[in-house]
Amino acid sequence: MHRADGASGQAAGDAEALSRPSARLDRAAARAPLPVRWSPDGDQKKPALAWFNKYVVSSVHRHDKVSSNGKDITTSYGYDNAGWGKDDDEFSKPDLRTYNVWRGYEKVTTLKGDATSGPDVPQTQSKSVTRYFRGGGGTLKDSTGTIELGQDRPEFTGLAAETLTYDSSADGAKLVKRTLTFPDSQQTASRTRDGGLDPLLAFRVWTRRSDAVQTVGSSWRSVRTETLSMDSDHGLPLAVETSIVQPDSSGTEKHSNYTCAKTDYASNDDANIIGLPKQVRTTATSCVGAATASADQLISAVRDSYDNKAWGEAPTVGLLTTEQTNAANGTGWIRSTLNTYDPLGRIRTVTNAKDQLVSRTEYTPGDSGGPVTSMKVIDGLGTRSPQISTPDAAWY
């Protein structure tokens, strides 16, 4: 950041926290001023208000130094409405706190490629616009102003709320697709603070729903992905549903082409092993109908076992040793993969459902350990992959 002398003023209230100080930026002058009470004299009780500029990337130019046929590619960025929040640093005196906490830009436009075109050169410049959550409070809606994406909470700061992709960078370009993000959060910890400050909070954040919306003629169609249930202890998704959504004649949404993925986990909190999948079952149904899905509706089902233990036992190290898949008739289980490891936990052999060797990996040095100087992989036919060598430890 660079100090900007001669400026004065300060945001007057919380309602202006994300709008002042601010600047509408273009690619030629990407600056955003922020106020800081600062002085080289550390003993000064209340330094004068100084302003600093925040600089951002305006363009990135990529040049191909290998091929003479490659074309240079320039990516340019445009920024709108810089936002700053009120400083709540508990180590700063209350009368020295200003609106100097960076909250990002409301919107960033990205142009990639060359806008020039001709008889033999198609339009090559792409355009996308990304809108962001910035933690300013209130309800954030999509670019049409009709869909509520959620509350603009502080823990969502920096998350992309909506991404819009156009068919060109020309004025009046057609919107081809857009992606909407609906975040959610769970408070995981808190700590009280002195000085009249609100408690310091920690959150777990995830995407509750995302819509990939495509323009279809004068209408639209979207692929919706929703996390329907979560493991609240570890923040792991338990049921994720995907569907095709289209408007119907009554103006409401019509869902079709459902899939549901339900995941169970093999965890061992005492060993700090969290989030290893125990079973993943995917059906061509909604998650409501997943439990009664027929064999024809079963897309896949996989069970994983760890550390040479029976399926369902808690892992102690976390090495995947056996993988089972559902039989073709949708009932029963067959072992599809068997892995073995060396004493150092490195993969040694992989065997398929017919007990045929898929691969064997050899390391130098071997089980005795030490920095690996070479590694080779041998497939089931005895074919050796090119040996991968690393410098001797003496070179480090």
Protein backbone atom coordinates (compact mmCIF):
# COMPACT_ATOMS: atom_id res chain seq x y z
CA MET A 1 0.00 0.00 0.00
CA HIS A 2 1.08 3.58 -0.63
CA ARG A 3 0.25 6.67 1.39
CA ALA A 4 -1.96 9.23 -0.33
CA ASP A 5 -1.29 12.66 1.23
CA GLY A 6 -3.76 15.48 1.30
CA ALA A 7 -6.94 13.46 1.76
CA SER A 8 -9.18 13.71 4.76
CA GLY A 9 -12.48 12.43 6.09
CA GLN A 10 -13.81 9.25 7.64
CA ALA A 11 -16.79 6.97 7.23
CA ALA A 12 -19.58 8.20 9.47
CA GLY A 13 -21.41 5.02 10.43
CA ASP A 14 -21.94 1.32 9.98
CA ALA A 15 -24.38 1.88 7.14
CA GLU A 16 -21.54 3.34 5.10
CA ALA A 17 -18.96 0.75 6.08
CA LEU A 18 -18.85 -0.83 2.63
CA SER A 19 -19.31 2.29 0.58
CA ARG A 20 -16.98 4.84 2.09
CA PRO A 21 -14.12 5.29 1.56
CA SER A 22 -14.57 3.72 -1.86
CA ALA A 23 -13.76 4.32 -5.48
CA ARG A 24 -15.12 3.07 -8.78
CA LEU A 25 -12.04 1.67 -10.42
CA ASP A 26 -11.03 1.05 -13.99
CA ARG A 27 -8.06 -0.83 -15.39
CA ALA A 28 -6.02 2.34 -15.78
CA ALA A 29 -6.26 3.49 -12.18
CA ALA A 30 -6.95 0.64 -9.77
CA ARG A 31 -6.67 2.37 -6.41
CA ALA A 32 -8.82 2.35 -3.30
CA PRO A 33 -8.09 4.72 -0.40
CA LEU A 34 -8.32 3.67 3.23
CA PRO A 35 -7.93 5.79 6.39
CA VAL A 36 -5.36 4.94 9.06
CA ARG A 37 -4.34 6.93 12.11
CA TRP A 38 -0.60 6.69 11.71
CA SER A 39 2.52 8.58 12.75
CA PRO A 40 6.25 7.76 12.73
CA ASP A 41 6.19 8.95 16.34
CA GLY A 42 5.01 5.91 18.29
CA ASP A 43 4.42 8.01 21.42
CA GLN A 44 1.83 10.26 19.79
CA LYS A 45 -1.51 9.57 21.52
CA LYS A 46 -3.80 10.36 18.60
CA PRO A 47 -2.02 10.57 15.23
CA ALA A 48 -3.55 12.51 12.38
CA LEU A 49 -5.71 10.64 9.90
CA ALA A 50 -3.61 9.51 6.95
CA TRP A 51 -4.91 7.90 3.77
CA PHE A 52 -3.32 5.01 1.92
CA ASN A 53 -4.04 3.61 -1.52
CA LYS A 54 -4.56 -0.09 -2.10
CA TYR A 55 -3.35 -1.26 -5.50
CA VAL A 56 -4.63 -4.27 -7.45
CA VAL A 57 -3.65 -6.08 -10.64
CA SER A 58 -5.00 -4.38 -13.76
CA SER A 59 -3.75 -6.90 -16.34
CA VAL A 60 -1.60 -10.01 -16.79
CA HIS A 61 0.22 -10.56 -20.09
CA ARG A 62 1.27 -14.11 -21.00
CA HIS A 63 3.86 -14.71 -23.70
CA ASP A 64 4.74 -18.14 -25.10
CA LYS A 65 8.54 -18.47 -25.05
CA VAL A 66 8.56 -22.06 -26.33
CA SER A 67 6.46 -22.07 -29.49
CA SER A 68 6.77 -19.47 -32.24
CA ASN A 69 3.14 -20.16 -33.20
CA GLY A 70 1.73 -19.26 -29.80
CA LYS A 71 -0.19 -16.03 -29.40
CA ASP A 72 0.17 -13.63 -26.53
CA ILE A 73 -2.77 -13.65 -24.13
CA THR A 74 -3.75 -10.67 -22.01
CA THR A 75 -6.15 -10.93 -19.10
CA SER A 76 -7.53 -7.61 -17.85
CA TYR A 77 -9.49 -6.84 -14.70
CA GLY A 78 -11.99 -4.12 -13.90
CA TYR A 79 -13.08 -3.36 -10.33
CA ASP A 80 -16.23 -1.78 -8.93
CA ASN A 81 -17.02 -0.37 -5.48
CA ALA A 82 -14.23 -1.04 -3.01
CA GLY A 83 -15.47 -1.84 0.47
CA TRP A 84 -13.98 -1.30 3.92
CA GLY A 85 -15.23 -2.40 7.32
CA LYS A 86 -14.74 -0.87 10.77
CA ASP A 87 -11.58 -2.01 12.55
CA ASP A 88 -12.37 -4.10 15.63
CA ASP A 89 -8.81 -4.96 16.61
CA GLU A 90 -8.87 -5.41 20.38
CA PHE A 91 -5.25 -4.26 20.62
CA SER A 92 -6.09 -0.86 19.11
CA LYS A 93 -7.45 2.02 21.15
CA PRO A 94 -11.15 2.63 20.37
CA ASP A 95 -10.56 6.25 19.31
CA LEU A 96 -7.89 5.13 16.81
CA ARG A 97 -10.04 2.59 14.99
CA THR A 98 -11.10 3.54 11.45
CA TYR A 99 -12.74 1.91 8.44
CA ASN A 100 -9.56 0.20 7.29
CA VAL A 101 -10.53 -3.49 7.21
CA TRP A 102 -10.50 -4.60 3.58
CA ARG A 103 -13.78 -6.20 2.48
CA GLY A 104 -13.04 -6.50 -1.23
CA TYR A 105 -14.79 -5.27 -4.34
CA GLU A 106 -18.48 -5.67 -4.99
CA LYS A 107 -17.83 -6.77 -8.57
CA VAL A 108 -14.81 -7.78 -10.67
CA THR A 109 -14.94 -7.98 -14.48
CA THR A 110 -12.44 -10.22 -16.28
CA LEU A 111 -11.60 -9.87 -19.98
CA LYS A 112 -9.35 -12.51 -21.51
CA GLY A 113 -7.89 -12.53 -25.01
CA ASP A 114 -7.84 -10.13 -27.94
CA ALA A 115 -10.96 -8.17 -28.79
CA THR A 116 -9.95 -7.64 -32.43
CA SER A 117 -11.58 -9.82 -35.07
CA GLY A 118 -11.66 -10.12 -38.84
CA PRO A 119 -12.79 -12.37 -41.71
CA ASP A 120 -10.43 -15.16 -40.65
CA VAL A 121 -10.16 -14.29 -36.95
CA PRO A 122 -13.19 -15.05 -34.79
CA GLN A 123 -14.00 -13.03 -31.71
CA THR A 124 -11.61 -14.42 -29.11
CA GLN A 125 -12.07 -12.19 -26.08
CA SER A 126 -14.10 -13.69 -23.24
CA LYS A 127 -15.91 -11.78 -20.52
CA SER A 128 -16.98 -12.83 -17.07
CA VAL A 129 -18.24 -10.87 -14.08
CA THR A 130 -17.98 -12.06 -10.47
CA ARG A 131 -19.96 -10.57 -7.60
CA TYR A 132 -18.90 -11.15 -3.99
CA PHE A 133 -20.13 -11.46 -0.46
CA ARG A 134 -18.41 -8.79 1.65
CA GLY A 135 -19.84 -9.20 5.12
CA GLY A 136 -21.66 -5.88 5.15
CA GLY A 137 -24.94 -7.19 6.52
CA GLY A 138 -28.37 -7.28 4.94
CA THR A 139 -29.65 -9.66 2.28
CA LEU A 140 -27.55 -10.20 -0.85
CA LYS A 141 -29.54 -10.88 -4.02
CA ASP A 142 -28.52 -12.04 -7.48
CA SER A 143 -27.92 -9.61 -10.36
CA THR A 144 -31.61 -9.68 -11.32
CA GLY A 145 -32.63 -8.69 -7.81
CA THR A 146 -35.14 -11.52 -7.56
CA ILE A 147 -33.23 -14.38 -5.88
CA GLU A 148 -31.98 -14.09 -2.31
CA LEU A 149 -28.54 -15.71 -1.95
CA GLY A 150 -28.44 -15.23 1.81
CA GLN A 151 -27.42 -12.81 4.52
CA ASP A 152 -24.15 -10.99 3.81
CA ARG A 153 -22.49 -12.16 7.03
CA PRO A 154 -18.88 -11.39 8.01
CA GLU A 155 -17.87 -15.06 7.76
CA PHE A 156 -18.86 -15.05 4.08
CA THR A 157 -16.49 -12.21 3.18
CA GLY A 158 -14.64 -12.98 -0.06
CA LEU A 159 -16.95 -15.77 -1.26
CA ALA A 160 -18.12 -15.51 -4.87
CA ALA A 161 -21.87 -14.92 -4.78
CA GLU A 162 -22.53 -14.95 -8.52
CA THR A 163 -20.45 -15.49 -11.65
CA LEU A 164 -21.81 -14.37 -15.01
CA THR A 165 -20.34 -15.52 -18.35
CA TYR A 166 -21.06 -13.73 -21.63
CA ASP A 167 -20.66 -14.86 -25.24
CA SER A 168 -18.34 -11.95 -25.99
CA SER A 169 -16.96 -8.74 -24.52
CA ALA A 170 -18.92 -6.51 -26.87
CA ASP A 171 -21.56 -4.10 -25.62
CA GLY A 172 -24.90 -5.88 -25.37
CA ALA A 173 -23.27 -9.31 -25.24
CA LYS A 174 -25.59 -12.22 -24.48
CA LEU A 175 -25.48 -13.77 -21.02
CA VAL A 176 -24.67 -17.45 -21.61
CA LYS A 177 -24.57 -18.83 -18.08
CA ARG A 178 -24.30 -17.81 -14.48
CA THR A 179 -23.51 -19.59 -11.25
CA LEU A 180 -25.23 -18.71 -7.98
CA THR A 181 -23.83 -19.62 -4.57
CA PHE A 182 -25.92 -19.95 -1.41
CA PRO A 183 -23.55 -20.27 1.57
CA ASP A 184 -24.26 -21.38 5.10
CA SER A 185 -22.29 -21.40 8.33
CA GLN A 186 -22.09 -22.89 11.79
CA GLN A 187 -20.50 -21.18 14.78
CA THR A 188 -17.76 -23.37 16.22
CA ALA A 189 -16.14 -21.19 18.91
CA SER A 190 -16.37 -17.81 20.64
CA ARG A 191 -14.35 -15.64 22.98
CA THR A 192 -15.36 -12.53 24.88
CA ARG A 193 -13.37 -9.33 24.35
CA ASP A 194 -12.83 -6.24 26.43
CA GLY A 195 -13.26 -2.65 25.36
CA GLY A 196 -16.92 -2.88 24.38
CA LEU A 197 -16.18 -5.16 21.42
CA ASP A 198 -18.48 -7.94 20.31
CA PRO A 199 -17.29 -11.49 21.05
CA LEU A 200 -14.74 -12.96 18.66
CA LEU A 201 -16.48 -15.76 16.73
CA ALA A 202 -15.21 -18.65 14.62
CA PHE A 203 -17.35 -20.27 11.93
CA ARG A 204 -17.40 -23.29 9.68
CA VAL A 205 -18.54 -22.19 6.20
CA TRP A 206 -19.83 -24.33 3.34
CA THR A 207 -21.92 -24.05 0.18
CA ARG A 208 -25.47 -25.11 1.01
CA ARG A 209 -26.64 -24.80 -2.59
CA SER A 210 -25.26 -23.83 -5.98
CA ASP A 211 -27.14 -23.22 -9.23
CA ALA A 212 -25.39 -23.40 -12.62
CA VAL A 213 -27.92 -21.54 -14.77
CA GLN A 214 -27.82 -21.67 -18.59
CA THR A 215 -29.78 -19.51 -20.98
CA VAL A 216 -32.02 -21.63 -23.23
CA GLY A 217 -33.71 -19.47 -25.81
CA SER A 218 -35.90 -17.04 -23.90
CA SER A 219 -35.96 -19.32 -20.87
CA TRP A 220 -33.39 -20.98 -18.61
CA ARG A 221 -32.30 -24.29 -17.17
CA SER A 222 -30.02 -24.97 -14.23
CA VAL A 223 -28.11 -27.77 -12.55
CA ARG A 224 -28.79 -27.43 -8.82
CA THR A 225 -26.56 -29.02 -6.22
CA GLU A 226 -27.74 -28.99 -2.61
CA THR A 227 -26.09 -30.23 0.56
CA LEU A 228 -29.12 -31.51 2.43
CA SER A 229 -27.46 -32.75 5.60
CA MET A 230 -24.14 -32.25 7.37
CA ASP A 231 -22.19 -33.91 10.14
CA SER A 232 -22.33 -31.03 12.60
CA ASP A 233 -19.38 -32.33 14.63
CA HIS A 234 -16.89 -32.36 11.76
CA GLY A 235 -18.54 -30.32 9.00
CA LEU A 236 -18.73 -33.22 6.54
CA PRO A 237 -21.50 -33.53 3.91
CA LEU A 238 -23.77 -36.53 4.46
CA ALA A 239 -26.31 -36.14 1.65
CA VAL A 240 -25.80 -34.17 -1.58
CA GLU A 241 -28.60 -33.94 -4.13
CA THR A 242 -28.33 -32.81 -7.74
CA SER A 243 -31.22 -32.08 -10.08
CA ILE A 244 -32.12 -30.31 -13.31
CA VAL A 245 -34.37 -27.32 -12.64
CA GLN A 246 -36.57 -25.58 -15.23
CA PRO A 247 -39.49 -23.17 -14.99
CA ASP A 248 -42.90 -24.67 -15.71
CA SER A 249 -45.98 -23.02 -17.21
CA SER A 250 -47.20 -21.84 -13.79
CA GLY A 251 -43.95 -19.99 -13.09
CA THR A 252 -42.73 -22.40 -10.41
CA GLU A 253 -39.70 -24.68 -10.61
CA LYS A 254 -39.82 -28.20 -12.04
CA HIS A 255 -37.15 -30.71 -10.95
CA SER A 256 -35.97 -33.73 -12.91
CA ASN A 257 -32.95 -36.03 -13.41
CA TYR A 258 -32.21 -36.40 -9.72
CA THR A 259 -29.07 -37.94 -8.30
CA CYS A 260 -28.29 -38.39 -4.62
CA ALA A 261 -24.92 -39.17 -3.05
CA LYS A 262 -24.96 -40.28 0.59
CA THR A 263 -21.67 -40.66 2.44
CA ASP A 264 -20.83 -42.38 5.72
CA TYR A 265 -17.44 -41.74 7.30
CA ALA A 266 -14.83 -43.78 9.12
CA SER A 267 -13.42 -41.47 11.75
CA ASN A 268 -11.29 -41.91 14.84
CA ASP A 269 -11.31 -38.73 16.90
CA ASP A 270 -8.75 -40.10 19.38
CA ALA A 271 -6.26 -40.62 16.52
CA ASN A 272 -7.21 -37.33 14.82
CA ILE A 273 -8.44 -39.20 11.74
CA ILE A 274 -11.46 -37.35 10.38
CA GLY A 275 -13.37 -37.57 7.11
CA LEU A 276 -12.25 -40.86 5.54
CA PRO A 277 -15.18 -42.22 3.51
CA LYS A 278 -16.61 -45.50 4.79
CA GLN A 279 -19.39 -45.84 2.24
CA VAL A 280 -20.53 -43.70 -0.69
CA ARG A 281 -23.83 -44.65 -2.31
CA THR A 282 -25.11 -42.79 -5.37
CA THR A 283 -28.61 -43.29 -6.77
CA ALA A 284 -30.61 -41.87 -9.67
CA THR A 285 -33.25 -40.62 -7.25
CA SER A 286 -33.85 -37.74 -4.92
CA CYS A 287 -32.35 -38.17 -1.48
CA VAL A 288 -35.85 -38.74 -0.12
CA GLY A 289 -36.19 -41.83 -2.30
CA ALA A 290 -32.58 -43.04 -1.99
CA ALA A 291 -33.33 -45.60 0.74
CA THR A 292 -35.87 -47.42 -1.45
CA ALA A 293 -33.97 -47.10 -4.75
CA SER A 294 -34.15 -50.19 -6.99
CA ALA A 295 -31.13 -51.94 -8.48
CA ASP A 296 -31.77 -50.13 -11.75
CA GLN A 297 -31.58 -46.80 -9.93
CA LEU A 298 -28.28 -47.58 -8.20
CA ILE A 299 -25.48 -45.70 -9.94
CA SER A 300 -22.63 -46.78 -7.69
CA ALA A 301 -21.88 -47.99 -4.20
CA VAL A 302 -18.40 -48.18 -2.69
CA ARG A 303 -17.21 -49.37 0.71
CA ASP A 304 -13.72 -48.63 2.02
CA SER A 305 -11.81 -50.39 4.79
CA TYR A 306 -8.62 -49.16 6.39
CA ASP A 307 -5.51 -50.57 8.03
CA ASN A 308 -6.39 -54.22 7.20
CA LYS A 309 -9.44 -53.99 9.44
CA ALA A 310 -12.96 -55.21 8.75
CA TRP A 311 -15.34 -52.79 7.09
CA GLY A 312 -16.85 -50.40 9.60
CA GLU A 313 -14.00 -50.60 12.13
CA ALA A 314 -12.38 -47.31 13.06
CA PRO A 315 -9.05 -46.64 11.32
CA THR A 316 -5.89 -46.33 13.38
CA VAL A 317 -3.49 -45.06 10.70
CA GLY A 318 -5.82 -44.25 7.81
CA LEU A 319 -4.33 -46.38 4.99
CA LEU A 320 -6.96 -47.57 2.49
CA THR A 321 -6.47 -51.33 2.22
CA THR A 322 -9.70 -52.74 0.77
CA GLU A 323 -12.32 -51.29 -1.54
CA GLN A 324 -15.60 -53.07 -2.22
CA THR A 325 -18.21 -52.28 -4.87
CA ASN A 326 -21.82 -53.34 -5.17
CA ALA A 327 -22.46 -56.45 -7.25
CA ALA A 328 -24.05 -56.02 -10.67
CA ASN A 329 -27.47 -57.13 -9.43
CA GLY A 330 -27.44 -54.33 -6.83
CA THR A 331 -27.09 -56.66 -3.85
CA GLY A 332 -24.03 -57.98 -2.06
CA TRP A 333 -20.45 -56.74 -2.23
CA ILE A 334 -17.35 -57.76 -4.16
CA ARG A 335 -13.79 -56.75 -3.40
CA SER A 336 -12.60 -54.53 -6.23
CA THR A 337 -9.21 -53.35 -4.91
CA LEU A 338 -6.67 -54.57 -2.38
CA ASN A 339 -3.74 -52.35 -1.41
CA THR A 340 -0.63 -53.21 0.56
CA TYR A 341 1.91 -50.80 2.02
CA ASP A 342 5.53 -50.90 3.15
CA PRO A 343 6.46 -50.27 6.80
CA LEU A 344 6.74 -46.55 6.06
CA GLY A 345 3.13 -46.32 4.83
CA ARG A 346 4.00 -46.04 1.13
CA ILE A 347 1.88 -47.90 -1.41
CA ARG A 348 3.50 -51.20 -2.38
CA THR A 349 1.01 -53.30 -4.40
CA VAL A 350 -2.43 -52.84 -5.92
CA THR A 351 -4.50 -55.95 -6.71
CA ASN A 352 -7.81 -56.11 -8.60
CA ALA A 353 -11.00 -58.12 -8.00
CA LYS A 354 -9.50 -61.21 -9.70
CA ASP A 355 -6.45 -61.15 -7.42
CA GLN A 356 -4.35 -59.97 -10.36
CA LEU A 357 -1.50 -57.60 -9.72
CA VAL A 358 -2.27 -54.14 -11.09
CA SER A 359 0.95 -52.45 -9.98
CA ARG A 360 3.93 -52.80 -7.68
CA THR A 361 6.02 -49.84 -6.55
CA GLU A 362 9.66 -50.13 -5.51
CA TYR A 363 11.58 -47.46 -3.65
CA THR A 364 15.28 -46.85 -3.16
CA PRO A 365 16.22 -47.03 -0.35
CA GLY A 366 13.61 -49.63 0.62
CA ASP A 367 12.03 -50.49 3.93
CA SER A 368 15.00 -49.18 5.88
CA GLY A 369 13.87 -45.65 5.07
CA GLY A 370 15.75 -42.49 4.25
CA PRO A 371 15.37 -39.87 1.51
CA VAL A 372 14.03 -41.56 -1.65
CA THR A 373 16.60 -41.45 -4.47
CA SER A 374 14.56 -43.45 -7.02
CA MET A 375 11.16 -45.02 -7.53
CA LYS A 376 9.83 -47.39 -10.20
CA VAL A 377 6.33 -48.74 -10.87
CA ILE A 378 5.85 -52.20 -12.40
CA ASP A 379 2.45 -53.10 -13.85
CA GLY A 380 0.75 -56.51 -13.86
CA LEU A 381 2.48 -57.52 -17.10
CA GLY A 382 5.90 -56.78 -15.69
CA THR A 383 6.33 -53.56 -17.65
CA ARG A 384 8.42 -51.03 -15.80
CA SER A 385 7.60 -47.37 -15.96
CA PRO A 386 10.46 -44.93 -16.49
CA GLN A 387 12.45 -44.74 -13.27
CA ILE A 388 11.90 -41.56 -11.31
CA SER A 389 15.09 -40.37 -9.64
CA THR A 390 15.67 -37.66 -7.10
CA PRO A 391 18.99 -36.08 -6.08
CA ASP A 392 21.03 -37.84 -3.45
CA ALA A 393 20.51 -36.51 0.04
CA ALA A 394 24.03 -35.09 -0.05
CA TRP A 395 22.80 -32.49 -2.53
CA TYR A 396 20.29 -31.01 -0.08
